[in-house]
PDB file of N, CA and C in Angstrom:
ATOM      1  N   MET A   1     -47.630  -0.457 -53.324  1.00  0.00           N
ATOM      2  CA  MET A   1     -46.612  -1.488 -53.307  1.00  0.00           C
ATOM      3  C   MET A   1     -45.258  -0.806 -53.201  1.00  0.00           C
ATOM      4  N   ARG A   2     -44.462  -1.255 -52.287  1.00  0.00           N
ATOM      5  CA  ARG A   2     -43.171  -0.636 -52.014  1.00  0.00           C
ATOM      6  C   ARG A   2     -42.141  -1.062 -53.058  1.00  0.00           C
ATOM      7  N   GLY A   3     -41.474  -0.079 -53.663  1.00  0.00           N
ATOM      8  CA  GLY A   3     -40.425  -0.370 -54.627  1.00  0.00           C
ATOM      9  C   GLY A   3     -39.175  -0.892 -53.945  1.00  0.00           C
ATOM     10  N   GLN A   4     -38.383  -1.627 -54.675  1.00  0.00           N
ATOM     11  CA  GLN A   4     -37.164  -2.217 -54.132  1.00  0.00           C
ATOM     12  C   GLN A   4     -35.943  -1.528 -54.724  1.00  0.00           C
ATOM     13  N   SER A   5     -34.937  -1.330 -53.894  1.00  0.00           N
ATOM     14  CA  SER A   5     -33.665  -0.810 -54.364  1.00  0.00           C
ATOM     15  C   SER A   5     -32.860  -1.990 -54.880  1.00  0.00           C
ATOM     16  N   LYS A   6     -32.561  -1.966 -56.148  1.00  0.00           N
ATOM     17  CA  LYS A   6     -31.771  -3.056 -56.696  1.00  0.00           C
ATOM     18  C   LYS A   6     -30.487  -2.474 -57.270  1.00  0.00           C
ATOM     19  N   THR A   7     -29.386  -2.877 -56.702  1.00  0.00           N
ATOM     20  CA  THR A   7     -28.105  -2.412 -57.186  1.00  0.00           C
ATOM     21  C   THR A   7     -27.411  -3.560 -57.884  1.00  0.00           C
ATOM     22  N   GLN A   8     -27.160  -3.349 -59.151  1.00  0.00           N
ATOM     23  CA  GLN A   8     -26.511  -4.362 -59.959  1.00  0.00           C
ATOM     24  C   GLN A   8     -25.494  -3.653 -60.830  1.00  0.00           C
ATOM     25  N   ALA A   9     -24.290  -4.165 -60.845  1.00  0.00           N
ATOM     26  CA  ALA A   9     -23.256  -3.557 -61.671  1.00  0.00           C
ATOM     27  C   ALA A   9     -23.600  -3.743 -63.139  1.00  0.00           C
ATOM     28  N   ALA A  10     -23.361  -2.711 -63.924  1.00  0.00           N
ATOM     29  CA  ALA A  10     -23.627  -2.790 -65.352  1.00  0.00           C
ATOM     30  C   ALA A  10     -22.596  -3.694 -66.024  1.00  0.00           C
ATOM     31  N   LEU A  11     -22.997  -4.303 -67.106  1.00  0.00           N
ATOM     32  CA  LEU A  11     -22.139  -5.253 -67.785  1.00  0.00           C
ATOM     33  C   LEU A  11     -20.902  -4.577 -68.372  1.00  0.00           C
ATOM     34  N   PHE A  12     -21.057  -3.396 -68.950  1.00  0.00           N
ATOM     35  CA  PHE A  12     -19.947  -2.751 -69.625  1.00  0.00           C
ATOM     36  C   PHE A  12     -19.533  -1.429 -68.998  1.00  0.00           C
ATOM     37  N   SER A  13     -19.859  -1.208 -67.751  1.00  0.00           N
ATOM     38  CA  SER A  13     -19.459   0.023 -67.090  1.00  0.00           C
ATOM     39  C   SER A  13     -18.033  -0.122 -66.559  1.00  0.00           C
ATOM     40  N   TYR A  14     -17.192   0.823 -66.904  1.00  0.00           N
ATOM     41  CA  TYR A  14     -15.798   0.778 -66.498  1.00  0.00           C
ATOM     42  C   TYR A  14     -15.523   1.656 -65.283  1.00  0.00           C
ATOM     43  N   VAL A  15     -16.547   2.304 -64.775  1.00  0.00           N
ATOM     44  CA  VAL A  15     -16.398   3.197 -63.639  1.00  0.00           C
ATOM     45  C   VAL A  15     -17.019   2.545 -62.414  1.00  0.00           C
ATOM     46  N   ASP A  16     -16.216   2.348 -61.383  1.00  0.00           N
ATOM     47  CA  ASP A  16     -16.734   1.859 -60.112  1.00  0.00           C
ATOM     48  C   ASP A  16     -17.099   3.075 -59.281  1.00  0.00           C
ATOM     49  N   LEU A  17     -18.378   3.267 -59.073  1.00  0.00           N
ATOM     50  CA  LEU A  17     -18.862   4.462 -58.384  1.00  0.00           C
ATOM     51  C   LEU A  17     -18.309   4.572 -56.968  1.00  0.00           C
ATOM     52  N   GLU A  18     -18.176   3.452 -56.294  1.00  0.00           N
ATOM     53  CA  GLU A  18     -17.645   3.439 -54.923  1.00  0.00           C
ATOM     54  C   GLU A  18     -16.232   4.006 -54.877  1.00  0.00           C
ATOM     55  N   SER A  19     -15.426   3.720 -55.882  1.00  0.00           N
ATOM     56  CA  SER A  19     -14.038   4.193 -55.890  1.00  0.00           C
ATOM     57  C   SER A  19     -13.925   5.675 -56.232  1.00  0.00           C
ATOM     58  N   ARG A  20     -14.989   6.258 -56.745  1.00  0.00           N
ATOM     59  CA  ARG A  20     -14.954   7.683 -57.118  1.00  0.00           C
ATOM     60  C   ARG A  20     -15.146   8.612 -55.926  1.00  0.00           C
ATOM     61  N   ILE A  21     -15.651   8.108 -54.831  1.00  0.00           N
ATOM     62  CA  ILE A  21     -15.870   8.939 -53.641  1.00  0.00           C
ATOM     63  C   ILE A  21     -14.668   8.755 -52.724  1.00  0.00           C
ATOM     64  N   PRO A  22     -13.948   9.831 -52.422  1.00  0.00           N
ATOM     65  CA  PRO A  22     -12.759   9.709 -51.563  1.00  0.00           C
ATOM     66  C   PRO A  22     -13.107   9.100 -50.202  1.00  0.00           C
ATOM     67  N   THR A  23     -12.214   8.262 -49.709  1.00  0.00           N
ATOM     68  CA  THR A  23     -12.468   7.599 -48.426  1.00  0.00           C
ATOM     69  C   THR A  23     -12.527   8.576 -47.261  1.00  0.00           C
ATOM     70  N   SER A  24     -11.896   9.725 -47.415  1.00  0.00           N
ATOM     71  CA  SER A  24     -11.896  10.710 -46.332  1.00  0.00           C
ATOM     72  C   SER A  24     -13.036  11.721 -46.437  1.00  0.00           C
ATOM     73  N   HIS A  25     -13.889  11.585 -47.437  1.00  0.00           N
ATOM     74  CA  HIS A  25     -14.981  12.554 -47.619  1.00  0.00           C
ATOM     75  C   HIS A  25     -16.005  12.400 -46.498  1.00  0.00           C
ATOM     76  N   PRO A  26     -16.467  13.503 -45.914  1.00  0.00           N
ATOM     77  CA  PRO A  26     -17.423  13.434 -44.803  1.00  0.00           C
ATOM     78  C   PRO A  26     -18.758  12.783 -45.168  1.00  0.00           C
ATOM     79  N   ILE A  27     -19.107  12.788 -46.442  1.00  0.00           N
ATOM     80  CA  ILE A  27     -20.393  12.203 -46.833  1.00  0.00           C
ATOM     81  C   ILE A  27     -20.413  10.696 -46.585  1.00  0.00           C
ATOM     82  N   ARG A  28     -19.244  10.064 -46.535  1.00  0.00           N
ATOM     83  CA  ARG A  28     -19.189   8.630 -46.235  1.00  0.00           C
ATOM     84  C   ARG A  28     -19.671   8.352 -44.806  1.00  0.00           C
ATOM     85  N   LYS A  29     -19.281   9.187 -43.854  1.00  0.00           N
ATOM     86  CA  LYS A  29     -19.737   9.019 -42.473  1.00  0.00           C
ATOM     87  C   LYS A  29     -21.239   9.264 -42.379  1.00  0.00           C
ATOM     88  N   VAL A  30     -21.715  10.263 -43.099  1.00  0.00           N
ATOM     89  CA  VAL A  30     -23.142  10.572 -43.095  1.00  0.00           C
ATOM     90  C   VAL A  30     -23.923   9.389 -43.667  1.00  0.00           C
ATOM     91  N   ARG A  31     -23.407   8.805 -44.755  1.00  0.00           N
ATOM     92  CA  ARG A  31     -24.112   7.674 -45.355  1.00  0.00           C
ATOM     93  C   ARG A  31     -24.179   6.488 -44.382  1.00  0.00           C
ATOM     94  N   GLY A  32     -23.126   6.269 -43.628  1.00  0.00           N
ATOM     95  CA  GLY A  32     -23.153   5.195 -42.635  1.00  0.00           C
ATOM     96  C   GLY A  32     -24.239   5.407 -41.595  1.00  0.00           C
ATOM     97  N   ILE A  33     -24.380   6.636 -41.134  1.00  0.00           N
ATOM     98  CA  ILE A  33     -25.416   6.971 -40.150  1.00  0.00           C
ATOM     99  C   ILE A  33     -26.805   6.797 -40.765  1.00  0.00           C
ATOM    100  N   VAL A  34     -26.961   7.273 -41.998  1.00  0.00           N
ATOM    101  CA  VAL A  34     -28.252   7.159 -42.684  1.00  0.00           C
ATOM    102  C   VAL A  34     -28.596   5.694 -42.929  1.00  0.00           C
ATOM    103  N   ASP A  35     -27.615   4.904 -43.345  1.00  0.00           N
ATOM    104  CA  ASP A  35     -27.853   3.471 -43.560  1.00  0.00           C
ATOM    105  C   ASP A  35     -28.369   2.803 -42.293  1.00  0.00           C
ATOM    106  N   GLN A  36     -27.757   3.116 -41.176  1.00  0.00           N
ATOM    107  CA  GLN A  36     -28.170   2.526 -39.902  1.00  0.00           C
ATOM    108  C   GLN A  36     -29.596   2.956 -39.537  1.00  0.00           C
ATOM    109  N   ALA A  37     -29.897   4.222 -39.734  1.00  0.00           N
ATOM    110  CA  ALA A  37     -31.244   4.715 -39.419  1.00  0.00           C
ATOM    111  C   ALA A  37     -32.290   4.066 -40.317  1.00  0.00           C
ATOM    112  N   LEU A  38     -31.958   3.877 -41.600  1.00  0.00           N
ATOM    113  CA  LEU A  38     -32.913   3.268 -42.523  1.00  0.00           C
ATOM    114  C   LEU A  38     -33.138   1.792 -42.218  1.00  0.00           C
ATOM    115  N   ILE A  39     -32.117   1.120 -41.711  1.00  0.00           N
ATOM    116  CA  ILE A  39     -32.290  -0.269 -41.295  1.00  0.00           C
ATOM    117  C   ILE A  39     -33.293  -0.343 -40.143  1.00  0.00           C
ATOM    118  N   GLU A  40     -33.208   0.602 -39.224  1.00  0.00           N
ATOM    119  CA  GLU A  40     -34.140   0.625 -38.091  1.00  0.00           C
ATOM    120  C   GLU A  40     -35.562   0.979 -38.526  1.00  0.00           C
ATOM    121  N   LEU A  41     -35.689   1.755 -39.622  1.00  0.00           N
ATOM    122  CA  LEU A  41     -37.005   2.148 -40.117  1.00  0.00           C
ATOM    123  C   LEU A  41     -37.632   1.116 -41.050  1.00  0.00           C
ATOM    124  N   GLU A  42     -36.882   0.104 -41.436  1.00  0.00           N
ATOM    125  CA  GLU A  42     -37.355  -0.919 -42.373  1.00  0.00           C
ATOM    126  C   GLU A  42     -38.704  -1.519 -41.981  1.00  0.00           C
ATOM    127  N   PRO A  43     -38.918  -1.931 -40.734  1.00  0.00           N
ATOM    128  CA  PRO A  43     -40.237  -2.495 -40.377  1.00  0.00           C
ATOM    129  C   PRO A  43     -41.377  -1.492 -40.558  1.00  0.00           C
ATOM    130  N   ALA A  44     -41.134  -0.248 -40.245  1.00  0.00           N
ATOM    131  CA  ALA A  44     -42.182   0.769 -40.405  1.00  0.00           C
ATOM    132  C   ALA A  44     -42.515   0.976 -41.881  1.00  0.00           C
ATOM    133  N   PHE A  45     -41.506   0.983 -42.735  1.00  0.00           N
ATOM    134  CA  PHE A  45     -41.746   1.114 -44.170  1.00  0.00           C
ATOM    135  C   PHE A  45     -42.555  -0.068 -44.690  1.00  0.00           C
ATOM    136  N   SER A  46     -42.215  -1.247 -44.250  1.00  0.00           N
ATOM    137  CA  SER A  46     -42.915  -2.451 -44.714  1.00  0.00           C
ATOM    138  C   SER A  46     -44.390  -2.427 -44.327  1.00  0.00           C
ATOM    139  N   GLU A  47     -44.702  -1.902 -43.162  1.00  0.00           N
ATOM    140  CA  GLU A  47     -46.095  -1.816 -42.721  1.00  0.00           C
ATOM    141  C   GLU A  47     -46.890  -0.783 -43.503  1.00  0.00           C
ATOM    142  N   MET A  48     -46.254   0.289 -43.921  1.00  0.00           N
ATOM    143  CA  MET A  48     -46.946   1.383 -44.589  1.00  0.00           C
ATOM    144  C   MET A  48     -47.353   1.065 -46.020  1.00  0.00           C
ATOM    145  N   TYR A  49     -46.655   0.163 -46.688  1.00  0.00           N
ATOM    146  CA  TYR A  49     -46.883  -0.074 -48.099  1.00  0.00           C
ATOM    147  C   TYR A  49     -47.742  -1.306 -48.324  1.00  0.00           C
ATOM    148  N   SER A  50     -48.629  -1.221 -49.287  1.00  0.00           N
ATOM    149  CA  SER A  50     -49.509  -2.325 -49.642  1.00  0.00           C
ATOM    150  C   SER A  50     -48.728  -3.395 -50.396  1.00  0.00           C
ATOM    151  N   ALA A  51     -49.247  -4.600 -50.369  1.00  0.00           N
ATOM    152  CA  ALA A  51     -48.614  -5.708 -51.086  1.00  0.00           C
ATOM    153  C   ALA A  51     -49.060  -5.759 -52.542  1.00  0.00           C
ATOM    154  N   VAL A  52     -50.073  -4.988 -52.902  1.00  0.00           N
ATOM    155  CA  VAL A  52     -50.574  -4.986 -54.273  1.00  0.00           C
ATOM    156  C   VAL A  52     -50.421  -3.598 -54.868  1.00  0.00           C
ATOM    157  N   GLY A  53     -50.460  -3.549 -56.183  1.00  0.00           N
ATOM    158  CA  GLY A  53     -50.383  -2.272 -56.862  1.00  0.00           C
ATOM    159  C   GLY A  53     -49.048  -2.061 -57.543  1.00  0.00           C
ATOM    160  N   ARG A  54     -48.906  -0.909 -58.106  1.00  0.00           N
ATOM    161  CA  ARG A  54     -47.698  -0.546 -58.824  1.00  0.00           C
ATOM    162  C   ARG A  54     -46.578  -0.264 -57.829  1.00  0.00           C
ATOM    163  N   PRO A  55     -45.367  -0.769 -58.092  1.00  0.00           N
ATOM    164  CA  PRO A  55     -44.250  -0.496 -57.174  1.00  0.00           C
ATOM    165  C   PRO A  55     -43.928   0.999 -57.107  1.00  0.00           C
ATOM    166  N   SER A  56     -43.661   1.462 -55.924  1.00  0.00           N
ATOM    167  CA  SER A  56     -43.331   2.874 -55.732  1.00  0.00           C
ATOM    168  C   SER A  56     -41.817   3.064 -55.800  1.00  0.00           C
ATOM    169  N   ILE A  57     -41.423   4.301 -55.697  1.00  0.00           N
ATOM    170  CA  ILE A  57     -40.008   4.612 -55.546  1.00  0.00           C
ATOM    171  C   ILE A  57     -39.610   4.149 -54.152  1.00  0.00           C
ATOM    172  N   PRO A  58     -38.486   3.466 -54.006  1.00  0.00           N
ATOM    173  CA  PRO A  58     -38.090   3.019 -52.671  1.00  0.00           C
ATOM    174  C   PRO A  58     -37.979   4.200 -51.705  1.00  0.00           C
ATOM    175  N   PRO A  59     -38.617   4.112 -50.538  1.00  0.00           N
ATOM    176  CA  PRO A  59     -38.587   5.238 -49.603  1.00  0.00           C
ATOM    177  C   PRO A  59     -37.175   5.571 -49.141  1.00  0.00           C
ATOM    178  N   GLU A  60     -36.287   4.582 -49.127  1.00  0.00           N
ATOM    179  CA  GLU A  60     -34.897   4.849 -48.740  1.00  0.00           C
ATOM    180  C   GLU A  60     -34.237   5.821 -49.712  1.00  0.00           C
ATOM    181  N   GLN A  61     -34.517   5.657 -51.003  1.00  0.00           N
ATOM    182  CA  GLN A  61     -33.943   6.562 -51.995  1.00  0.00           C
ATOM    183  C   GLN A  61     -34.521   7.966 -51.863  1.00  0.00           C
ATOM    184  N   LEU A  62     -35.809   8.046 -51.591  1.00  0.00           N
ATOM    185  CA  LEU A  62     -36.431   9.359 -51.411  1.00  0.00           C
ATOM    186  C   LEU A  62     -35.834  10.108 -50.224  1.00  0.00           C
ATOM    187  N   ILE A  63     -35.660   9.401 -49.119  1.00  0.00           N
ATOM    188  CA  ILE A  63     -35.108  10.032 -47.919  1.00  0.00           C
ATOM    189  C   ILE A  63     -33.674  10.488 -48.169  1.00  0.00           C
ATOM    190  N   ARG A  64     -32.892   9.635 -48.805  1.00  0.00           N
ATOM    191  CA  ARG A  64     -31.498  10.012 -49.103  1.00  0.00           C
ATOM    192  C   ARG A  64     -31.435  11.218 -50.031  1.00  0.00           C
ATOM    193  N   ALA A  65     -32.295  11.257 -51.032  1.00  0.00           N
ATOM    194  CA  ALA A  65     -32.299  12.392 -51.948  1.00  0.00           C
ATOM    195  C   ALA A  65     -32.688  13.681 -51.227  1.00  0.00           C
ATOM    196  N   LEU A  66     -33.688  13.593 -50.360  1.00  0.00           N
ATOM    197  CA  LEU A  66     -34.101  14.785 -49.622  1.00  0.00           C
ATOM    198  C   LEU A  66     -33.015  15.257 -48.645  1.00  0.00           C
ATOM    199  N   LEU A  67     -32.281  14.321 -48.075  1.00  0.00           N
ATOM    200  CA  LEU A  67     -31.160  14.714 -47.218  1.00  0.00           C
ATOM    201  C   LEU A  67     -30.100  15.469 -48.020  1.00  0.00           C
ATOM    202  N   LEU A  68     -29.826  15.009 -49.228  1.00  0.00           N
ATOM    203  CA  LEU A  68     -28.872  15.732 -50.081  1.00  0.00           C
ATOM    204  C   LEU A  68     -29.370  17.129 -50.399  1.00  0.00           C
ATOM    205  N   GLN A  69     -30.666  17.248 -50.640  1.00  0.00           N
ATOM    206  CA  GLN A  69     -31.241  18.556 -50.925  1.00  0.00           C
ATOM    207  C   GLN A  69     -31.030  19.503 -49.740  1.00  0.00           C
ATOM    208  N   ILE A  70     -31.164  18.988 -48.546  1.00  0.00           N
ATOM    209  CA  ILE A  70     -30.969  19.800 -47.349  1.00  0.00           C
ATOM    210  C   ILE A  70     -29.489  20.123 -47.146  1.00  0.00           C
ATOM    211  N   PHE A  71     -28.632  19.106 -47.222  1.00  0.00           N
ATOM    212  CA  PHE A  71     -27.203  19.293 -46.967  1.00  0.00           C
ATOM    213  C   PHE A  71     -26.557  20.271 -47.932  1.00  0.00           C
ATOM    214  N   PHE A  72     -26.969  20.223 -49.183  1.00  0.00           N
ATOM    215  CA  PHE A  72     -26.321  21.044 -50.213  1.00  0.00           C
ATOM    216  C   PHE A  72     -27.168  22.240 -50.627  1.00  0.00           C
ATOM    217  N   THR A  73     -28.181  22.566 -49.845  1.00  0.00           N
ATOM    218  CA  THR A  73     -29.071  23.707 -50.057  1.00  0.00           C
ATOM    219  C   THR A  73     -29.503  23.838 -51.518  1.00  0.00           C
ATOM    220  N   ILE A  74     -30.067  22.766 -52.022  1.00  0.00           N
ATOM    221  CA  ILE A  74     -30.606  22.776 -53.377  1.00  0.00           C
ATOM    222  C   ILE A  74     -32.027  23.292 -53.279  1.00  0.00           C
ATOM    223  N   ARG A  75     -32.331  24.305 -54.070  1.00  0.00           N
ATOM    224  CA  ARG A  75     -33.565  25.057 -53.875  1.00  0.00           C
ATOM    225  C   ARG A  75     -34.836  24.384 -54.364  1.00  0.00           C
ATOM    226  N   SER A  76     -34.729  23.459 -55.303  1.00  0.00           N
ATOM    227  CA  SER A  76     -35.952  22.853 -55.826  1.00  0.00           C
ATOM    228  C   SER A  76     -35.718  21.386 -56.149  1.00  0.00           C
ATOM    229  N   GLU A  77     -36.817  20.673 -56.281  1.00  0.00           N
ATOM    230  CA  GLU A  77     -36.703  19.263 -56.645  1.00  0.00           C
ATOM    231  C   GLU A  77     -36.197  19.112 -58.075  1.00  0.00           C
ATOM    232  N   ARG A  78     -36.513  20.048 -58.936  1.00  0.00           N
ATOM    233  CA  ARG A  78     -36.014  20.005 -60.307  1.00  0.00           C
ATOM    234  C   ARG A  78     -34.498  20.094 -60.317  1.00  0.00           C
ATOM    235  N   GLN A  79     -33.944  21.006 -59.525  1.00  0.00           N
ATOM    236  CA  GLN A  79     -32.488  21.118 -59.431  1.00  0.00           C
ATOM    237  C   GLN A  79     -31.876  19.869 -58.802  1.00  0.00           C
ATOM    238  N   LEU A  80     -32.571  19.282 -57.848  1.00  0.00           N
ATOM    239  CA  LEU A  80     -32.097  18.046 -57.244  1.00  0.00           C
ATOM    240  C   LEU A  80     -32.023  16.935 -58.291  1.00  0.00           C
ATOM    241  N   MET A  81     -33.033  16.818 -59.146  1.00  0.00           N
ATOM    242  CA  MET A  81     -33.032  15.800 -60.191  1.00  0.00           C
ATOM    243  C   MET A  81     -31.888  16.033 -61.179  1.00  0.00           C
ATOM    244  N   GLU A  82     -31.601  17.290 -61.495  1.00  0.00           N
ATOM    245  CA  GLU A  82     -30.470  17.600 -62.373  1.00  0.00           C
ATOM    246  C   GLU A  82     -29.160  17.158 -61.744  1.00  0.00           C
ATOM    247  N   ARG A  83     -28.996  17.459 -60.464  1.00  0.00           N
ATOM    248  CA  ARG A  83     -27.765  17.050 -59.770  1.00  0.00           C
ATOM    249  C   ARG A  83     -27.640  15.541 -59.699  1.00  0.00           C
ATOM    250  N   LEU A  84     -28.750  14.853 -59.472  1.00  0.00           N
ATOM    251  CA  LEU A  84     -28.723  13.396 -59.441  1.00  0.00           C
ATOM    252  C   LEU A  84     -28.370  12.810 -60.805  1.00  0.00           C
ATOM    253  N   ASP A  85     -28.662  13.563 -61.836  1.00  0.00           N
ATOM    254  CA  ASP A  85     -28.386  13.087 -63.190  1.00  0.00           C
ATOM    255  C   ASP A  85     -26.898  13.128 -63.517  1.00  0.00           C
ATOM    256  N   TYR A  86     -26.162  14.115 -62.972  1.00  0.00           N
ATOM    257  CA  TYR A  86     -24.761  14.239 -63.378  1.00  0.00           C
ATOM    258  C   TYR A  86     -23.747  14.187 -62.241  1.00  0.00           C
ATOM    259  N   ASP A  87     -24.155  14.234 -61.012  1.00  0.00           N
ATOM    260  CA  ASP A  87     -23.201  14.264 -59.901  1.00  0.00           C
ATOM    261  C   ASP A  87     -22.995  12.847 -59.366  1.00  0.00           C
ATOM    262  N   LEU A  88     -21.790  12.326 -59.496  1.00  0.00           N
ATOM    263  CA  LEU A  88     -21.503  10.951 -59.087  1.00  0.00           C
ATOM    264  C   LEU A  88     -21.698  10.740 -57.592  1.00  0.00           C
ATOM    265  N   MET A  89     -21.314  11.711 -56.800  1.00  0.00           N
ATOM    266  CA  MET A  89     -21.461  11.570 -55.356  1.00  0.00           C
ATOM    267  C   MET A  89     -22.940  11.486 -54.970  1.00  0.00           C
ATOM    268  N   PHE A  90     -23.777  12.267 -55.621  1.00  0.00           N
ATOM    269  CA  PHE A  90     -25.207  12.225 -55.343  1.00  0.00           C
ATOM    270  C   PHE A  90     -25.765  10.852 -55.706  1.00  0.00           C
ATOM    271  N   ARG A  91     -25.379  10.342 -56.863  1.00  0.00           N
ATOM    272  CA  ARG A  91     -25.862   9.028 -57.302  1.00  0.00           C
ATOM    273  C   ARG A  91     -25.429   7.947 -56.314  1.00  0.00           C
ATOM    274  N   TRP A  92     -24.194   8.019 -55.873  1.00  0.00           N
ATOM    275  CA  TRP A  92     -23.674   7.048 -54.915  1.00  0.00           C
ATOM    276  C   TRP A  92     -24.451   7.117 -53.604  1.00  0.00           C
ATOM    277  N   PHE A  93     -24.682   8.313 -53.096  1.00  0.00           N
ATOM    278  CA  PHE A  93     -25.359   8.486 -51.817  1.00  0.00           C
ATOM    279  C   PHE A  93     -26.790   7.944 -51.865  1.00  0.00           C
ATOM    280  N   VAL A  94     -27.501   8.208 -52.947  1.00  0.00           N
ATOM    281  CA  VAL A  94     -28.893   7.778 -53.082  1.00  0.00           C
ATOM    282  C   VAL A  94     -28.987   6.277 -53.338  1.00  0.00           C
ATOM    283  N   GLY A  95     -27.961   5.715 -53.956  1.00  0.00           N
ATOM    284  CA  GLY A  95     -27.966   4.285 -54.239  1.00  0.00           C
ATOM    285  C   GLY A  95     -28.215   3.957 -55.692  1.00  0.00           C
ATOM    286  N   LEU A  96     -27.948   4.913 -56.573  1.00  0.00           N
ATOM    287  CA  LEU A  96     -28.101   4.693 -58.006  1.00  0.00           C
ATOM    288  C   LEU A  96     -26.748   4.328 -58.601  1.00  0.00           C
ATOM    289  N   SER A  97     -26.755   3.466 -59.602  1.00  0.00           N
ATOM    290  CA  SER A  97     -25.509   3.158 -60.295  1.00  0.00           C
ATOM    291  C   SER A  97     -25.283   4.190 -61.397  1.00  0.00           C
ATOM    292  N   MET A  98     -24.174   4.053 -62.081  1.00  0.00           N
ATOM    293  CA  MET A  98     -23.837   5.001 -63.149  1.00  0.00           C
ATOM    294  C   MET A  98     -24.882   5.001 -64.257  1.00  0.00           C
ATOM    295  N   ASP A  99     -25.429   3.848 -64.550  1.00  0.00           N
ATOM    296  CA  ASP A  99     -26.315   3.708 -65.699  1.00  0.00           C
ATOM    297  C   ASP A  99     -27.799   3.728 -65.342  1.00  0.00           C
ATOM    298  N   ASP A 100     -28.115   3.798 -64.074  1.00  0.00           N
ATOM    299  CA  ASP A 100     -29.529   3.813 -63.663  1.00  0.00           C
ATOM    300  C   ASP A 100     -30.194   5.109 -64.091  1.00  0.00           C
ATOM    301  N   LYS A 101     -31.432   4.963 -64.539  1.00  0.00           N
ATOM    302  CA  LYS A 101     -32.246   6.139 -64.799  1.00  0.00           C
ATOM    303  C   LYS A 101     -32.700   6.668 -63.447  1.00  0.00           C
ATOM    304  N   CYS A 102     -32.716   7.951 -63.290  1.00  0.00           N
ATOM    305  CA  CYS A 102     -33.122   8.534 -62.011  1.00  0.00           C
ATOM    306  C   CYS A 102     -34.621   8.295 -61.816  1.00  0.00           C
ATOM    307  N   CYS A 103     -34.947   7.315 -60.995  1.00  0.00           N
ATOM    308  CA  CYS A 103     -36.348   6.919 -60.811  1.00  0.00           C
ATOM    309  C   CYS A 103     -37.101   7.895 -59.927  1.00  0.00           C
ATOM    310  N   LEU A 104     -36.423   8.839 -59.323  1.00  0.00           N
ATOM    311  CA  LEU A 104     -37.100   9.769 -58.430  1.00  0.00           C
ATOM    312  C   LEU A 104     -37.938  10.786 -59.188  1.00  0.00           C
ATOM    313  N   ALA A 105     -37.715  10.891 -60.488  1.00  0.00           N
ATOM    314  CA  ALA A 105     -38.421  11.890 -61.290  1.00  0.00           C
ATOM    315  C   ALA A 105     -39.671  11.334 -61.932  1.00  0.00           C
ATOM    316  N   GLN A 106     -40.225  10.251 -61.421  1.00  0.00           N
ATOM    317  CA  GLN A 106     -41.416   9.636 -62.028  1.00  0.00           C
ATOM    318  C   GLN A 106     -42.608  10.525 -61.885  1.00  0.00           C
TER     319      GLN A 106
END
C-alpha cells in the first residue's frame, strides 16, 4: 500500500520552513524540476503499489532523500537520516515539516 505525503502545519510551530530557505538558493530550482518529474511519475507509482496492506513510505520522499544524498555526497543512509533530522533545508526538500518524525528510517 502506497504511503501518502501529508503536509500539515503544526499548531504551535513558530517556524515557517518555506521562509527559511533563501529564494535565491539553487536547491529551489532543483526542487521545481523534481516536483515536475514526480508529477509525471505519479501514474507509474500508483500502478506499482497494492491497495491493501500496510502503508509504505511515500516514494516521492524516498526519491527526494536519495537525490539529496547524491547532491551532497552523503556517504551512508545513516548519515542521511541524521541530516534529515537536523537540517532544515533537507526537511524542506523531502517534504517534511519541522515537527514530523523522519519516516524514512522505518
